[in-house]
Amino acid sequence: MQPKGEVNGFAELLQRFERNISILGRSPRTFDNYSRHIAAMALHFGCLPTELDEDQIKDYLYELQQRSKTPSQTYFKHTVYGLRFMLKGEGLPYSHLHLPSIKRDKNYPPY
């Protein structure tokens, strides 16, 4: 599901994303999970996620919520977390894509 050849600039974005995750000491699994969700979004819109506007992001996230009726909504959360990480790596603020905050589940102890 990698849109490397299908979305202009995605291969370069993905390379920077992997570098940034590695430098920060995150696992390769984190990169795999986050990049999969970012790739799905890039394929859906046919452009880089950083090129999207607020309404496109909201519509896409709403669509994800409607697809998953499980309490954890893991796919939704990984998409938001992946986008946040990508924005940070690209030097853009979270407000660039108007990402929602995700409340912690109160059933789990804090880290």
PDB file of N, CA and C in Angstrom:
ATOM      1  N   MET A   1       0.825  -1.191   0.000  1.00  0.00           N
ATOM      2  CA  MET A   1       0.000   0.000   0.000  1.00  0.00           C
ATOM      3  C   MET A   1       0.867   1.252   0.000  1.00  0.00           C
ATOM      4  N   GLN A   2       2.095   1.146  -0.463  1.00  0.00           N
ATOM      5  CA  GLN A   2       2.981   2.305  -0.488  1.00  0.00           C
ATOM      6  C   GLN A   2       2.781   3.094  -1.777  1.00  0.00           C
ATOM      7  N   PRO A   3       2.374   4.347  -1.684  1.00  0.00           N
ATOM      8  CA  PRO A   3       2.131   5.155  -2.874  1.00  0.00           C
ATOM      9  C   PRO A   3       3.387   5.842  -3.397  1.00  0.00           C
ATOM     10  N   LYS A   4       4.553   5.208  -3.223  1.00  0.00           N
ATOM     11  CA  LYS A   4       5.819   5.839  -3.597  1.00  0.00           C
ATOM     12  C   LYS A   4       5.812   6.344  -5.030  1.00  0.00           C
ATOM     13  N   GLY A   5       5.359   5.528  -5.958  1.00  0.00           N
ATOM     14  CA  GLY A   5       5.344   5.938  -7.353  1.00  0.00           C
ATOM     15  C   GLY A   5       4.071   6.628  -7.766  1.00  0.00           C
ATOM     16  N   GLU A   6       3.056   6.555  -6.926  1.00  0.00           N
ATOM     17  CA  GLU A   6       1.746   7.090  -7.296  1.00  0.00           C
ATOM     18  C   GLU A   6       1.505   8.511  -6.806  1.00  0.00           C
ATOM     19  N   VAL A   7       2.161   8.912  -5.720  1.00  0.00           N
ATOM     20  CA  VAL A   7       1.969  10.253  -5.167  1.00  0.00           C
ATOM     21  C   VAL A   7       3.304  10.978  -5.227  1.00  0.00           C
ATOM     22  N   ASN A   8       3.320  12.061  -5.964  1.00  0.00           N
ATOM     23  CA  ASN A   8       4.535  12.838  -6.153  1.00  0.00           C
ATOM     24  C   ASN A   8       5.120  13.298  -4.816  1.00  0.00           C
ATOM     25  N   GLY A   9       6.382  12.971  -4.572  1.00  0.00           N
ATOM     26  CA  GLY A   9       7.060  13.410  -3.363  1.00  0.00           C
ATOM     27  C   GLY A   9       6.887  12.497  -2.168  1.00  0.00           C
ATOM     28  N   PHE A  10       6.075  11.439  -2.316  1.00  0.00           N
ATOM     29  CA  PHE A  10       5.812  10.578  -1.160  1.00  0.00           C
ATOM     30  C   PHE A  10       7.048   9.786  -0.740  1.00  0.00           C
ATOM     31  N   ALA A  11       7.818   9.307  -1.702  1.00  0.00           N
ATOM     32  CA  ALA A  11       9.014   8.520  -1.373  1.00  0.00           C
ATOM     33  C   ALA A  11       9.978   9.345  -0.522  1.00  0.00           C
ATOM     34  N   GLU A  12      10.145  10.608  -0.867  1.00  0.00           N
ATOM     35  CA  GLU A  12      11.042  11.484  -0.107  1.00  0.00           C
ATOM     36  C   GLU A  12      10.483  11.759   1.290  1.00  0.00           C
ATOM     37  N   LEU A  13       9.167  12.006   1.361  1.00  0.00           N
ATOM     38  CA  LEU A  13       8.530  12.229   2.657  1.00  0.00           C
ATOM     39  C   LEU A  13       8.690  11.004   3.542  1.00  0.00           C
ATOM     40  N   LEU A  14       8.484   9.837   2.983  1.00  0.00           N
ATOM     41  CA  LEU A  14       8.597   8.586   3.729  1.00  0.00           C
ATOM     42  C   LEU A  14      10.029   8.368   4.210  1.00  0.00           C
ATOM     43  N   GLN A  15      10.992   8.707   3.391  1.00  0.00           N
ATOM     44  CA  GLN A  15      12.402   8.558   3.775  1.00  0.00           C
ATOM     45  C   GLN A  15      12.736   9.473   4.953  1.00  0.00           C
ATOM     46  N   ARG A  16      12.280  10.719   4.903  1.00  0.00           N
ATOM     47  CA  ARG A  16      12.512  11.651   6.026  1.00  0.00           C
ATOM     48  C   ARG A  16      11.795  11.164   7.278  1.00  0.00           C
ATOM     49  N   PHE A  17      10.590  10.647   7.090  1.00  0.00           N
ATOM     50  CA  PHE A  17       9.789  10.144   8.197  1.00  0.00           C
ATOM     51  C   PHE A  17      10.511   8.990   8.900  1.00  0.00           C
ATOM     52  N   GLU A  18      11.034   8.052   8.115  1.00  0.00           N
ATOM     53  CA  GLU A  18      11.758   6.912   8.687  1.00  0.00           C
ATOM     54  C   GLU A  18      13.008   7.376   9.422  1.00  0.00           C
ATOM     55  N   ARG A  19      13.734   8.305   8.838  1.00  0.00           N
ATOM     56  CA  ARG A  19      14.941   8.850   9.480  1.00  0.00           C
ATOM     57  C   ARG A  19      14.602   9.486  10.822  1.00  0.00           C
ATOM     58  N   ASN A  20      13.551  10.308  10.840  1.00  0.00           N
ATOM     59  CA  ASN A  20      13.177  11.003  12.074  1.00  0.00           C
ATOM     60  C   ASN A  20      12.734  10.039  13.163  1.00  0.00           C
ATOM     61  N   ILE A  21      11.992   9.038  12.803  1.00  0.00           N
ATOM     62  CA  ILE A  21      11.547   8.040  13.784  1.00  0.00           C
ATOM     63  C   ILE A  21      12.740   7.286  14.350  1.00  0.00           C
ATOM     64  N   SER A  22      13.677   6.935  13.482  1.00  0.00           N
ATOM     65  CA  SER A  22      14.866   6.209  13.922  1.00  0.00           C
ATOM     66  C   SER A  22      15.731   7.059  14.847  1.00  0.00           C
ATOM     67  N   ILE A  23      15.949   8.310  14.483  1.00  0.00           N
ATOM     68  CA  ILE A  23      16.775   9.214  15.297  1.00  0.00           C
ATOM     69  C   ILE A  23      16.184   9.388  16.685  1.00  0.00           C
ATOM     70  N   LEU A  24      14.881   9.403  16.785  1.00  0.00           N
ATOM     71  CA  LEU A  24      14.220   9.579  18.080  1.00  0.00           C
ATOM     72  C   LEU A  24      14.135   8.276  18.876  1.00  0.00           C
ATOM     73  N   GLY A  25      14.701   7.205  18.330  1.00  0.00           N
ATOM     74  CA  GLY A  25      14.763   5.952  19.067  1.00  0.00           C
ATOM     75  C   GLY A  25      13.492   5.125  19.053  1.00  0.00           C
ATOM     76  N   ARG A  26      12.591   5.421  18.119  1.00  0.00           N
ATOM     77  CA  ARG A  26      11.373   4.625  18.023  1.00  0.00           C
ATOM     78  C   ARG A  26      11.667   3.337  17.269  1.00  0.00           C
ATOM     79  N   SER A  27      10.856   2.356  17.468  1.00  0.00           N
ATOM     80  CA  SER A  27      11.082   1.045  16.859  1.00  0.00           C
ATOM     81  C   SER A  27      10.711   1.056  15.376  1.00  0.00           C
ATOM     82  N   PRO A  28      11.285   0.128  14.614  1.00  0.00           N
ATOM     83  CA  PRO A  28      10.888  -0.016  13.209  1.00  0.00           C
ATOM     84  C   PRO A  28       9.389  -0.323  13.075  1.00  0.00           C
ATOM     85  N   ARG A  29       8.837  -0.989  14.065  1.00  0.00           N
ATOM     86  CA  ARG A  29       7.399  -1.301  14.061  1.00  0.00           C
ATOM     87  C   ARG A  29       6.563  -0.013  14.114  1.00  0.00           C
ATOM     88  N   THR A  30       7.033   0.980  14.860  1.00  0.00           N
ATOM     89  CA  THR A  30       6.336   2.270  14.916  1.00  0.00           C
ATOM     90  C   THR A  30       6.307   2.892  13.529  1.00  0.00           C
ATOM     91  N   PHE A  31       7.447   2.872  12.865  1.00  0.00           N
ATOM     92  CA  PHE A  31       7.499   3.406  11.504  1.00  0.00           C
ATOM     93  C   PHE A  31       6.539   2.640  10.591  1.00  0.00           C
ATOM     94  N   ASP A  32       6.553   1.314  10.670  1.00  0.00           N
ATOM     95  CA  ASP A  32       5.661   0.503   9.831  1.00  0.00           C
ATOM     96  C   ASP A  32       4.203   0.870  10.056  1.00  0.00           C
ATOM     97  N   ASN A  33       3.803   0.957  11.323  1.00  0.00           N
ATOM     98  CA  ASN A  33       2.408   1.268  11.638  1.00  0.00           C
ATOM     99  C   ASN A  33       2.017   2.662  11.159  1.00  0.00           C
ATOM    100  N   TYR A  34       2.807   3.658  11.516  1.00  0.00           N
ATOM    101  CA  TYR A  34       2.466   5.032  11.160  1.00  0.00           C
ATOM    102  C   TYR A  34       2.533   5.258   9.652  1.00  0.00           C
ATOM    103  N   SER A  35       3.554   4.711   8.991  1.00  0.00           N
ATOM    104  CA  SER A  35       3.692   4.949   7.553  1.00  0.00           C
ATOM    105  C   SER A  35       2.558   4.291   6.776  1.00  0.00           C
ATOM    106  N   ARG A  36       2.067   3.160   7.247  1.00  0.00           N
ATOM    107  CA  ARG A  36       0.937   2.492   6.587  1.00  0.00           C
ATOM    108  C   ARG A  36      -0.288   3.400   6.572  1.00  0.00           C
ATOM    109  N   HIS A  37      -0.536   4.069   7.675  1.00  0.00           N
ATOM    110  CA  HIS A  37      -1.716   4.941   7.763  1.00  0.00           C
ATOM    111  C   HIS A  37      -1.533   6.222   6.954  1.00  0.00           C
ATOM    112  N   ILE A  38      -0.321   6.744   6.954  1.00  0.00           N
ATOM    113  CA  ILE A  38      -0.042   7.935   6.152  1.00  0.00           C
ATOM    114  C   ILE A  38      -0.133   7.599   4.660  1.00  0.00           C
ATOM    115  N   ALA A  39       0.357   6.410   4.284  1.00  0.00           N
ATOM    116  CA  ALA A  39       0.275   5.974   2.885  1.00  0.00           C
ATOM    117  C   ALA A  39      -1.177   5.824   2.443  1.00  0.00           C
ATOM    118  N   ALA A  40      -2.011   5.259   3.302  1.00  0.00           N
ATOM    119  CA  ALA A  40      -3.433   5.099   2.967  1.00  0.00           C
ATOM    120  C   ALA A  40      -4.082   6.453   2.715  1.00  0.00           C
ATOM    121  N   MET A  41      -3.731   7.434   3.527  1.00  0.00           N
ATOM    122  CA  MET A  41      -4.298   8.770   3.356  1.00  0.00           C
ATOM    123  C   MET A  41      -3.779   9.399   2.052  1.00  0.00           C
ATOM    124  N   ALA A  42      -2.492   9.236   1.778  1.00  0.00           N
ATOM    125  CA  ALA A  42      -1.923   9.789   0.542  1.00  0.00           C
ATOM    126  C   ALA A  42      -2.585   9.169  -0.689  1.00  0.00           C
ATOM    127  N   LEU A  43      -2.806   7.856  -0.648  1.00  0.00           N
ATOM    128  CA  LEU A  43      -3.477   7.190  -1.760  1.00  0.00           C
ATOM    129  C   LEU A  43      -4.927   7.649  -1.904  1.00  0.00           C
ATOM    130  N   HIS A  44      -5.596   7.824  -0.785  1.00  0.00           N
ATOM    131  CA  HIS A  44      -6.993   8.254  -0.799  1.00  0.00           C
ATOM    132  C   HIS A  44      -7.149   9.602  -1.512  1.00  0.00           C
ATOM    133  N   PHE A  45      -6.244  10.529  -1.203  1.00  0.00           N
ATOM    134  CA  PHE A  45      -6.346  11.877  -1.770  1.00  0.00           C
ATOM    135  C   PHE A  45      -5.485  12.090  -3.015  1.00  0.00           C
ATOM    136  N   GLY A  46      -4.498  11.217  -3.235  1.00  0.00           N
ATOM    137  CA  GLY A  46      -3.614  11.392  -4.382  1.00  0.00           C
ATOM    138  C   GLY A  46      -2.613  12.515  -4.215  1.00  0.00           C
ATOM    139  N   CYS A  47      -2.327  12.876  -2.960  1.00  0.00           N
ATOM    140  CA  CYS A  47      -1.341  13.923  -2.683  1.00  0.00           C
ATOM    141  C   CYS A  47      -0.736  13.681  -1.300  1.00  0.00           C
ATOM    142  N   LEU A  48       0.279  14.452  -0.975  1.00  0.00           N
ATOM    143  CA  LEU A  48       0.903  14.335   0.341  1.00  0.00           C
ATOM    144  C   LEU A  48      -0.062  14.822   1.420  1.00  0.00           C
ATOM    145  N   PRO A  49      -0.057  14.188   2.572  1.00  0.00           N
ATOM    146  CA  PRO A  49      -0.927  14.643   3.661  1.00  0.00           C
ATOM    147  C   PRO A  49      -0.667  16.099   4.071  1.00  0.00           C
ATOM    148  N   THR A  50       0.567  16.572   3.908  1.00  0.00           N
ATOM    149  CA  THR A  50       0.888  17.960   4.264  1.00  0.00           C
ATOM    150  C   THR A  50       0.239  18.962   3.317  1.00  0.00           C
ATOM    151  N   GLU A  51      -0.284  18.503   2.189  1.00  0.00           N
ATOM    152  CA  GLU A  51      -0.928  19.381   1.206  1.00  0.00           C
ATOM    153  C   GLU A  51      -2.446  19.471   1.398  1.00  0.00           C
ATOM    154  N   LEU A  52      -2.970  18.740   2.367  1.00  0.00           N
ATOM    155  CA  LEU A  52      -4.417  18.712   2.590  1.00  0.00           C
ATOM    156  C   LEU A  52      -4.872  19.910   3.406  1.00  0.00           C
ATOM    157  N   ASP A  53      -6.158  20.240   3.268  1.00  0.00           N
ATOM    158  CA  ASP A  53      -6.706  21.312   4.090  1.00  0.00           C
ATOM    159  C   ASP A  53      -7.516  20.728   5.253  1.00  0.00           C
ATOM    160  N   GLU A  54      -7.949  21.599   6.125  1.00  0.00           N
ATOM    161  CA  GLU A  54      -8.642  21.183   7.349  1.00  0.00           C
ATOM    162  C   GLU A  54      -9.881  20.330   7.063  1.00  0.00           C
ATOM    163  N   ASP A  55     -10.685  20.720   6.096  1.00  0.00           N
ATOM    164  CA  ASP A  55     -11.912  19.974   5.798  1.00  0.00           C
ATOM    165  C   ASP A  55     -11.612  18.573   5.255  1.00  0.00           C
ATOM    166  N   GLN A  56     -10.586  18.453   4.438  1.00  0.00           N
ATOM    167  CA  GLN A  56     -10.223  17.136   3.918  1.00  0.00           C
ATOM    168  C   GLN A  56      -9.798  16.207   5.057  1.00  0.00           C
ATOM    169  N   ILE A  57      -9.017  16.729   5.980  1.00  0.00           N
ATOM    170  CA  ILE A  57      -8.571  15.938   7.132  1.00  0.00           C
ATOM    171  C   ILE A  57      -9.770  15.515   7.970  1.00  0.00           C
ATOM    172  N   LYS A  58     -10.656  16.459   8.265  1.00  0.00           N
ATOM    173  CA  LYS A  58     -11.830  16.140   9.080  1.00  0.00           C
ATOM    174  C   LYS A  58     -12.713  15.099   8.399  1.00  0.00           C
ATOM    175  N   ASP A  59     -12.935  15.245   7.100  1.00  0.00           N
ATOM    176  CA  ASP A  59     -13.754  14.273   6.365  1.00  0.00           C
ATOM    177  C   ASP A  59     -13.124  12.884   6.400  1.00  0.00           C
ATOM    178  N   TYR A  60     -11.812  12.820   6.209  1.00  0.00           N
ATOM    179  CA  TYR A  60     -11.121  11.530   6.207  1.00  0.00           C
ATOM    180  C   TYR A  60     -11.187  10.880   7.591  1.00  0.00           C
ATOM    181  N   LEU A  61     -10.921  11.649   8.642  1.00  0.00           N
ATOM    182  CA  LEU A  61     -10.966  11.098   9.996  1.00  0.00           C
ATOM    183  C   LEU A  61     -12.381  10.662  10.369  1.00  0.00           C
ATOM    184  N   TYR A  62     -13.376  11.410   9.921  1.00  0.00           N
ATOM    185  CA  TYR A  62     -14.771  11.034  10.168  1.00  0.00           C
ATOM    186  C   TYR A  62     -15.086   9.703   9.482  1.00  0.00           C
ATOM    187  N   GLU A  63     -14.598   9.578   8.247  1.00  0.00           N
ATOM    188  CA  GLU A  63     -14.789   8.335   7.502  1.00  0.00           C
ATOM    189  C   GLU A  63     -14.159   7.153   8.251  1.00  0.00           C
ATOM    190  N   LEU A  64     -12.971   7.349   8.799  1.00  0.00           N
ATOM    191  CA  LEU A  64     -12.312   6.292   9.565  1.00  0.00           C
ATOM    192  C   LEU A  64     -13.125   5.911  10.797  1.00  0.00           C
ATOM    193  N   GLN A  65     -13.655   6.895  11.484  1.00  0.00           N
ATOM    194  CA  GLN A  65     -14.475   6.615  12.669  1.00  0.00           C
ATOM    195  C   GLN A  65     -15.715   5.824  12.300  1.00  0.00           C
ATOM    196  N   GLN A  66     -16.316   6.140  11.193  1.00  0.00           N
ATOM    197  CA  GLN A  66     -17.539   5.456  10.788  1.00  0.00           C
ATOM    198  C   GLN A  66     -17.272   4.009  10.375  1.00  0.00           C
ATOM    199  N   ARG A  67     -16.075   3.746   9.855  1.00  0.00           N
ATOM    200  CA  ARG A  67     -15.696   2.388   9.455  1.00  0.00           C
ATOM    201  C   ARG A  67     -15.500   1.478  10.652  1.00  0.00           C
ATOM    202  N   SER A  68     -14.937   2.013  11.730  1.00  0.00           N
ATOM    203  CA  SER A  68     -14.570   1.195  12.888  1.00  0.00           C
ATOM    204  C   SER A  68     -15.502   1.486  14.051  1.00  0.00           C
ATOM    205  N   LYS A  69     -16.221   0.474  14.461  1.00  0.00           N
ATOM    206  CA  LYS A  69     -17.143   0.644  15.587  1.00  0.00           C
ATOM    207  C   LYS A  69     -16.581   0.042  16.871  1.00  0.00           C
ATOM    208  N   THR A  70     -15.302  -0.329  16.865  1.00  0.00           N
ATOM    209  CA  THR A  70     -14.695  -0.892  18.076  1.00  0.00           C
ATOM    210  C   THR A  70     -14.377   0.231  19.053  1.00  0.00           C
ATOM    211  N   PRO A  71     -14.417  -0.046  20.335  1.00  0.00           N
ATOM    212  CA  PRO A  71     -14.171   0.996  21.329  1.00  0.00           C
ATOM    213  C   PRO A  71     -12.792   1.646  21.224  1.00  0.00           C
ATOM    214  N   SER A  72     -11.747   0.903  20.830  1.00  0.00           N
ATOM    215  CA  SER A  72     -10.407   1.476  20.813  1.00  0.00           C
ATOM    216  C   SER A  72     -10.139   2.348  19.588  1.00  0.00           C
ATOM    217  N   GLN A  73     -10.811   2.075  18.505  1.00  0.00           N
ATOM    218  CA  GLN A  73     -10.623   2.814  17.257  1.00  0.00           C
ATOM    219  C   GLN A  73      -9.144   2.937  16.912  1.00  0.00           C
ATOM    220  N   THR A  74      -8.443   1.831  16.960  1.00  0.00           N
ATOM    221  CA  THR A  74      -7.000   1.806  16.757  1.00  0.00           C
ATOM    222  C   THR A  74      -6.577   2.413  15.426  1.00  0.00           C
ATOM    223  N   TYR A  75      -7.270   2.088  14.365  1.00  0.00           N
ATOM    224  CA  TYR A  75      -6.891   2.608  13.051  1.00  0.00           C
ATOM    225  C   TYR A  75      -6.945   4.131  13.048  1.00  0.00           C
ATOM    226  N   PHE A  76      -8.001   4.675  13.611  1.00  0.00           N
ATOM    227  CA  PHE A  76      -8.162   6.131  13.710  1.00  0.00           C
ATOM    228  C   PHE A  76      -7.013   6.738  14.501  1.00  0.00           C
ATOM    229  N   LYS A  77      -6.715   6.150  15.643  1.00  0.00           N
ATOM    230  CA  LYS A  77      -5.659   6.681  16.502  1.00  0.00           C
ATOM    231  C   LYS A  77      -4.293   6.615  15.834  1.00  0.00           C
ATOM    232  N   HIS A  78      -3.981   5.504  15.172  1.00  0.00           N
ATOM    233  CA  HIS A  78      -2.683   5.401  14.502  1.00  0.00           C
ATOM    234  C   HIS A  78      -2.566   6.413  13.377  1.00  0.00           C
ATOM    235  N   THR A  79      -3.663   6.714  12.715  1.00  0.00           N
ATOM    236  CA  THR A  79      -3.638   7.734  11.663  1.00  0.00           C
ATOM    237  C   THR A  79      -3.310   9.090  12.257  1.00  0.00           C
ATOM    238  N   VAL A  80      -3.986   9.458  13.329  1.00  0.00           N
ATOM    239  CA  VAL A  80      -3.738  10.761  13.962  1.00  0.00           C
ATOM    240  C   VAL A  80      -2.320  10.824  14.527  1.00  0.00           C
ATOM    241  N   TYR A  81      -1.889   9.780  15.232  1.00  0.00           N
ATOM    242  CA  TYR A  81      -0.542   9.778  15.805  1.00  0.00           C
ATOM    243  C   TYR A  81       0.520   9.824  14.705  1.00  0.00           C
ATOM    244  N   GLY A  82       0.317   9.080  13.622  1.00  0.00           N
ATOM    245  CA  GLY A  82       1.250   9.108  12.504  1.00  0.00           C
ATOM    246  C   GLY A  82       1.337  10.481  11.870  1.00  0.00           C
ATOM    247  N   LEU A  83       0.190  11.132  11.713  1.00  0.00           N
ATOM    248  CA  LEU A  83       0.179  12.486  11.150  1.00  0.00           C
ATOM    249  C   LEU A  83       0.892  13.464  12.076  1.00  0.00           C
ATOM    250  N   ARG A  84       0.666  13.347  13.364  1.00  0.00           N
ATOM    251  CA  ARG A  84       1.348  14.231  14.316  1.00  0.00           C
ATOM    252  C   ARG A  84       2.857  14.066  14.230  1.00  0.00           C
ATOM    253  N   PHE A  85       3.296  12.818  14.200  1.00  0.00           N
ATOM    254  CA  PHE A  85       4.727  12.529  14.134  1.00  0.00           C
ATOM    255  C   PHE A  85       5.313  13.067  12.831  1.00  0.00           C
ATOM    256  N   MET A  86       4.581  12.892  11.725  1.00  0.00           N
ATOM    257  CA  MET A  86       5.035  13.379  10.436  1.00  0.00           C
ATOM    258  C   MET A  86       5.154  14.902  10.438  1.00  0.00           C
ATOM    259  N   LEU A  87       4.142  15.581  10.983  1.00  0.00           N
ATOM    260  CA  LEU A  87       4.172  17.041  11.046  1.00  0.00           C
ATOM    261  C   LEU A  87       5.375  17.526  11.852  1.00  0.00           C
ATOM    262  N   LYS A  88       5.600  16.887  12.989  1.00  0.00           N
ATOM    263  CA  LYS A  88       6.727  17.264  13.843  1.00  0.00           C
ATOM    264  C   LYS A  88       8.033  17.114  13.069  1.00  0.00           C
ATOM    265  N   GLY A  89       8.186  16.014  12.361  1.00  0.00           N
ATOM    266  CA  GLY A  89       9.390  15.765  11.577  1.00  0.00           C
ATOM    267  C   GLY A  89       9.579  16.737  10.427  1.00  0.00           C
ATOM    268  N   GLU A  90       8.473  17.247   9.899  1.00  0.00           N
ATOM    269  CA  GLU A  90       8.530  18.204   8.797  1.00  0.00           C
ATOM    270  C   GLU A  90       8.611  19.646   9.290  1.00  0.00           C
ATOM    271  N   GLY A  91       8.646  19.825  10.613  1.00  0.00           N
ATOM    272  CA  GLY A  91       8.743  21.172  11.172  1.00  0.00           C
ATOM    273  C   GLY A  91       7.451  21.960  11.102  1.00  0.00           C
ATOM    274  N   LEU A  92       6.329  21.257  11.006  1.00  0.00           N
ATOM    275  CA  LEU A  92       5.017  21.915  10.941  1.00  0.00           C
ATOM    276  C   LEU A  92       4.280  21.723  12.263  1.00  0.00           C
ATOM    277  N   PRO A  93       3.505  22.713  12.687  1.00  0.00           N
ATOM    278  CA  PRO A  93       2.745  22.549  13.935  1.00  0.00           C
ATOM    279  C   PRO A  93       1.543  21.637  13.736  1.00  0.00           C
ATOM    280  N   TYR A  94       1.072  21.043  14.830  1.00  0.00           N
ATOM    281  CA  TYR A  94      -0.116  20.192  14.770  1.00  0.00           C
ATOM    282  C   TYR A  94      -1.291  20.952  14.163  1.00  0.00           C
ATOM    283  N   SER A  95      -1.349  22.236  14.422  1.00  0.00           N
ATOM    284  CA  SER A  95      -2.469  23.037  13.924  1.00  0.00           C
ATOM    285  C   SER A  95      -2.472  23.120  12.400  1.00  0.00           C
ATOM    286  N   HIS A  96      -1.362  22.754  11.755  1.00  0.00           N
ATOM    287  CA  HIS A  96      -1.300  22.786  10.291  1.00  0.00           C
ATOM    288  C   HIS A  96      -2.396  21.922   9.681  1.00  0.00           C
ATOM    289  N   LEU A  97      -2.668  20.765  10.284  1.00  0.00           N
ATOM    290  CA  LEU A  97      -3.722  19.883   9.783  1.00  0.00           C
ATOM    291  C   LEU A  97      -4.944  19.845  10.686  1.00  0.00           C
ATOM    292  N   HIS A  98      -4.958  20.660  11.722  1.00  0.00           N
ATOM    293  CA  HIS A  98      -6.091  20.732  12.653  1.00  0.00           C
ATOM    294  C   HIS A  98      -6.468  19.354  13.187  1.00  0.00           C
ATOM    295  N   LEU A  99      -5.483  18.671  13.739  1.00  0.00           N
ATOM    296  CA  LEU A  99      -5.702  17.318  14.244  1.00  0.00           C
ATOM    297  C   LEU A  99      -6.426  17.340  15.580  1.00  0.00           C
ATOM    298  N   PRO A 100      -7.304  16.382  15.792  1.00  0.00           N
ATOM    299  CA  PRO A 100      -8.037  16.330  17.066  1.00  0.00           C
ATOM    300  C   PRO A 100      -7.143  15.792  18.185  1.00  0.00           C
ATOM    301  N   SER A 101      -7.483  16.173  19.403  1.00  0.00           N
ATOM    302  CA  SER A 101      -6.807  15.552  20.538  1.00  0.00           C
ATOM    303  C   SER A 101      -7.509  14.232  20.816  1.00  0.00           C
ATOM    304  N   ILE A 102      -6.754  13.273  21.318  1.00  0.00           N
ATOM    305  CA  ILE A 102      -7.326  11.965  21.621  1.00  0.00           C
ATOM    306  C   ILE A 102      -7.237  11.766  23.117  1.00  0.00           C
ATOM    307  N   LYS A 103      -8.400  11.572  23.717  1.00  0.00           N
ATOM    308  CA  LYS A 103      -8.459  11.399  25.159  1.00  0.00           C
ATOM    309  C   LYS A 103      -7.917  10.041  25.547  1.00  0.00           C
ATOM    310  N   ARG A 104      -7.213  10.014  26.667  1.00  0.00           N
ATOM    311  CA  ARG A 104      -6.728   8.748  27.206  1.00  0.00           C
ATOM    312  C   ARG A 104      -7.874   7.974  27.820  1.00  0.00           C
ATOM    313  N   ASP A 105      -7.800   6.681  27.674  1.00  0.00           N
ATOM    314  CA  ASP A 105      -8.776   5.803  28.298  1.00  0.00           C
ATOM    315  C   ASP A 105      -8.502   5.784  29.799  1.00  0.00           C
ATOM    316  N   LYS A 106      -9.480   6.088  30.594  1.00  0.00           N
ATOM    317  CA  LYS A 106      -9.284   6.180  32.044  1.00  0.00           C
ATOM    318  C   LYS A 106      -9.152   4.827  32.723  1.00  0.00           C
ATOM    319  N   ASN A 107      -9.314   3.743  31.959  1.00  0.00           N
ATOM    320  CA  ASN A 107      -9.191   2.413  32.538  1.00  0.00           C
ATOM    321  C   ASN A 107      -7.741   1.994  32.677  1.00  0.00           C
ATOM    322  N   TYR A 108      -6.832   2.726  32.031  1.00  0.00           N
ATOM    323  CA  TYR A 108      -5.426   2.363  32.077  1.00  0.00           C
ATOM    324  C   TYR A 108      -4.669   3.346  32.966  1.00  0.00           C
ATOM    325  N   PRO A 109      -3.676   2.863  33.691  1.00  0.00           N
ATOM    326  CA  PRO A 109      -2.881   3.781  34.517  1.00  0.00           C
ATOM    327  C   PRO A 109      -2.024   4.676  33.633  1.00  0.00           C
ATOM    328  N   PRO A 110      -1.704   5.892  34.079  1.00  0.00           N
ATOM    329  CA  PRO A 110      -0.844   6.777  33.275  1.00  0.00           C
ATOM    330  C   PRO A 110       0.551   6.188  33.184  1.00  0.00           C
ATOM    331  N   TYR A 111       1.265   6.580  32.144  1.00  0.00           N
ATOM    332  CA  TYR A 111       2.620   6.064  31.906  1.00  0.00           C
ATOM    333  C   TYR A 111       3.597   6.640  32.877  1.00  0.00           C
TER     334      TYR A 111
END
